[in-house]
Amino acid sequence: MEITIYHNPRCSKSRATLALLEEHGHSPEIIEYLETPPEADRLAGILDMLGVTALQLLRRGEQAFQDLDLGRVDVSDEEIIAAMVSHPKLIERPIVVCNGKARIGRPPESVLEILS
């Protein structure tokens, strides 16, 4: 079973989610997404697996959200995805992908439901 975590080692929820996966005997592929952000098509696929819109995966408290005016009514998913690729801090974290499904590790235990 392949497990991938889009991880930020500075984030407590991300560290807790990784530790939980390891406690359950998993050795996920770790992608430090701030260094290696997913490409737009991969991010769109993750959105599909999560069952959320780009806006729902967007971290609105980041300065780039304001700078790029992503709170506009007419902002498109494509524009948000492009912004997340260019400014990966905008991506909610952590994201775990396994078996064609994905979950955000908030709370960390939510990722366990996709591991079976």
Protein backbone atom coordinates (compact mmCIF):
# COMPACT_ATOMS: atom_id res chain seq x y z
CA MET A 1 0.00 0.00 0.00
CA GLU A 2 1.46 3.33 -1.08
CA ILE A 3 0.88 6.24 1.27
CA THR A 4 1.96 9.79 0.54
CA ILE A 5 1.89 12.66 2.97
CA TYR A 6 2.17 16.26 1.86
CA HIS A 7 4.06 17.41 4.90
CA ASN A 8 5.30 20.59 6.53
CA PRO A 9 7.73 19.64 9.31
CA ARG A 10 7.13 23.00 11.03
CA CYS A 11 3.38 22.27 11.43
CA SER A 12 2.33 20.46 14.61
CA LYS A 13 -0.68 18.78 12.91
CA SER A 14 1.55 17.61 10.08
CA ARG A 15 4.11 16.19 12.53
CA ALA A 16 1.34 14.51 14.54
CA THR A 17 -0.18 12.98 11.41
CA LEU A 18 3.18 11.61 10.27
CA ALA A 19 3.83 10.19 13.75
CA LEU A 20 0.38 8.55 13.76
CA LEU A 21 1.05 6.89 10.41
CA GLU A 22 4.40 5.62 11.67
CA GLU A 23 2.83 4.38 14.94
CA HIS A 24 0.46 2.31 12.80
CA GLY A 25 3.42 0.72 11.02
CA HIS A 26 3.37 2.79 7.83
CA SER A 27 6.34 4.39 6.14
CA PRO A 28 4.75 7.00 3.89
CA GLU A 29 6.43 8.81 1.08
CA ILE A 30 7.03 12.26 2.54
CA ILE A 31 6.68 15.21 0.23
CA GLU A 32 7.68 18.48 1.84
CA TYR A 33 5.26 20.42 -0.29
CA LEU A 34 6.72 23.83 0.53
CA GLU A 35 9.92 22.67 -1.19
CA THR A 36 8.24 20.49 -3.82
CA PRO A 37 4.68 21.70 -4.41
CA PRO A 38 2.36 19.43 -6.38
CA GLU A 39 1.80 20.37 -10.01
CA ALA A 40 -1.60 21.80 -10.94
CA ASP A 41 -2.97 18.54 -12.36
CA ARG A 42 -1.86 16.58 -9.28
CA LEU A 43 -3.44 19.17 -7.00
CA ALA A 44 -6.68 18.98 -8.99
CA GLY A 45 -6.63 15.20 -8.56
CA ILE A 46 -6.10 15.58 -4.82
CA LEU A 47 -9.07 17.95 -4.66
CA ASP A 48 -11.18 15.29 -6.38
CA MET A 49 -9.99 12.62 -3.93
CA LEU A 50 -10.76 14.93 -1.00
CA GLY A 51 -14.16 15.84 -2.44
CA VAL A 52 -13.58 19.55 -1.82
CA THR A 53 -13.25 22.65 -3.93
CA ALA A 54 -10.00 24.54 -4.35
CA LEU A 55 -11.42 27.29 -2.16
CA GLN A 56 -12.05 24.77 0.64
CA LEU A 57 -8.39 23.66 0.58
CA LEU A 58 -7.13 27.24 0.66
CA ARG A 59 -5.49 28.62 3.81
CA ARG A 60 -7.14 32.00 4.07
CA GLY A 61 -4.96 33.28 6.90
CA GLU A 62 -1.84 33.42 4.73
CA GLN A 63 -0.64 36.80 3.46
CA ALA A 64 -0.64 35.49 -0.14
CA PHE A 65 -4.42 35.00 0.14
CA GLN A 66 -4.80 38.75 0.64
CA ASP A 67 -2.04 39.74 -1.78
CA LEU A 68 -3.53 37.68 -4.61
CA ASP A 69 -7.12 38.77 -3.81
CA LEU A 70 -8.29 35.15 -3.67
CA GLY A 71 -11.37 36.03 -1.63
CA ARG A 72 -13.10 37.54 -4.67
CA VAL A 73 -16.52 36.19 -5.57
CA ASP A 74 -15.42 35.50 -9.15
CA VAL A 75 -12.19 33.59 -8.34
CA SER A 76 -11.99 30.32 -10.29
CA ASP A 77 -10.71 26.93 -9.14
CA GLU A 78 -8.01 27.16 -11.81
CA GLU A 79 -6.83 30.50 -10.43
CA ILE A 80 -6.77 29.15 -6.87
CA ILE A 81 -4.89 26.00 -7.94
CA ALA A 82 -2.33 28.11 -9.82
CA ALA A 83 -1.90 30.29 -6.72
CA MET A 84 -1.40 27.21 -4.52
CA VAL A 85 1.23 25.83 -6.90
CA SER A 86 3.07 29.18 -6.91
CA HIS A 87 2.53 29.80 -3.18
CA PRO A 88 2.32 26.36 -1.53
CA LYS A 89 1.81 27.91 1.92
CA LEU A 90 -1.77 28.42 0.73
CA ILE A 91 -2.40 24.63 0.73
CA GLU A 92 -4.11 23.28 3.85
CA ARG A 93 -1.97 20.66 5.55
CA PRO A 94 -1.19 17.88 5.98
CA ILE A 95 -2.73 15.85 3.17
CA VAL A 96 -2.45 12.07 3.11
CA VAL A 97 -3.13 10.15 -0.11
CA CYS A 98 -3.68 6.37 -0.17
CA ASN A 99 -5.69 3.94 -2.29
CA GLY A 100 -7.06 6.67 -4.55
CA LYS A 101 -8.42 8.57 -1.54
CA ALA A 102 -7.14 11.56 0.38
CA ARG A 103 -7.75 13.15 3.76
CA ILE A 104 -6.56 16.28 5.50
CA GLY A 105 -4.94 15.44 8.84
CA ARG A 106 -7.11 17.78 10.89
CA PRO A 107 -7.51 16.01 13.22
CA PRO A 108 -4.65 13.60 12.49
CA GLU A 109 -6.85 10.56 13.15
CA SER A 110 -9.01 11.40 10.13
CA VAL A 111 -6.35 9.93 7.83
CA LEU A 112 -6.75 6.45 9.32
CA GLU A 113 -10.08 5.88 7.53
CA ILE A 114 -8.40 5.75 4.12
CA LEU A 115 -5.71 3.23 5.12
CA SER A 116 -7.82 0.09 4.92
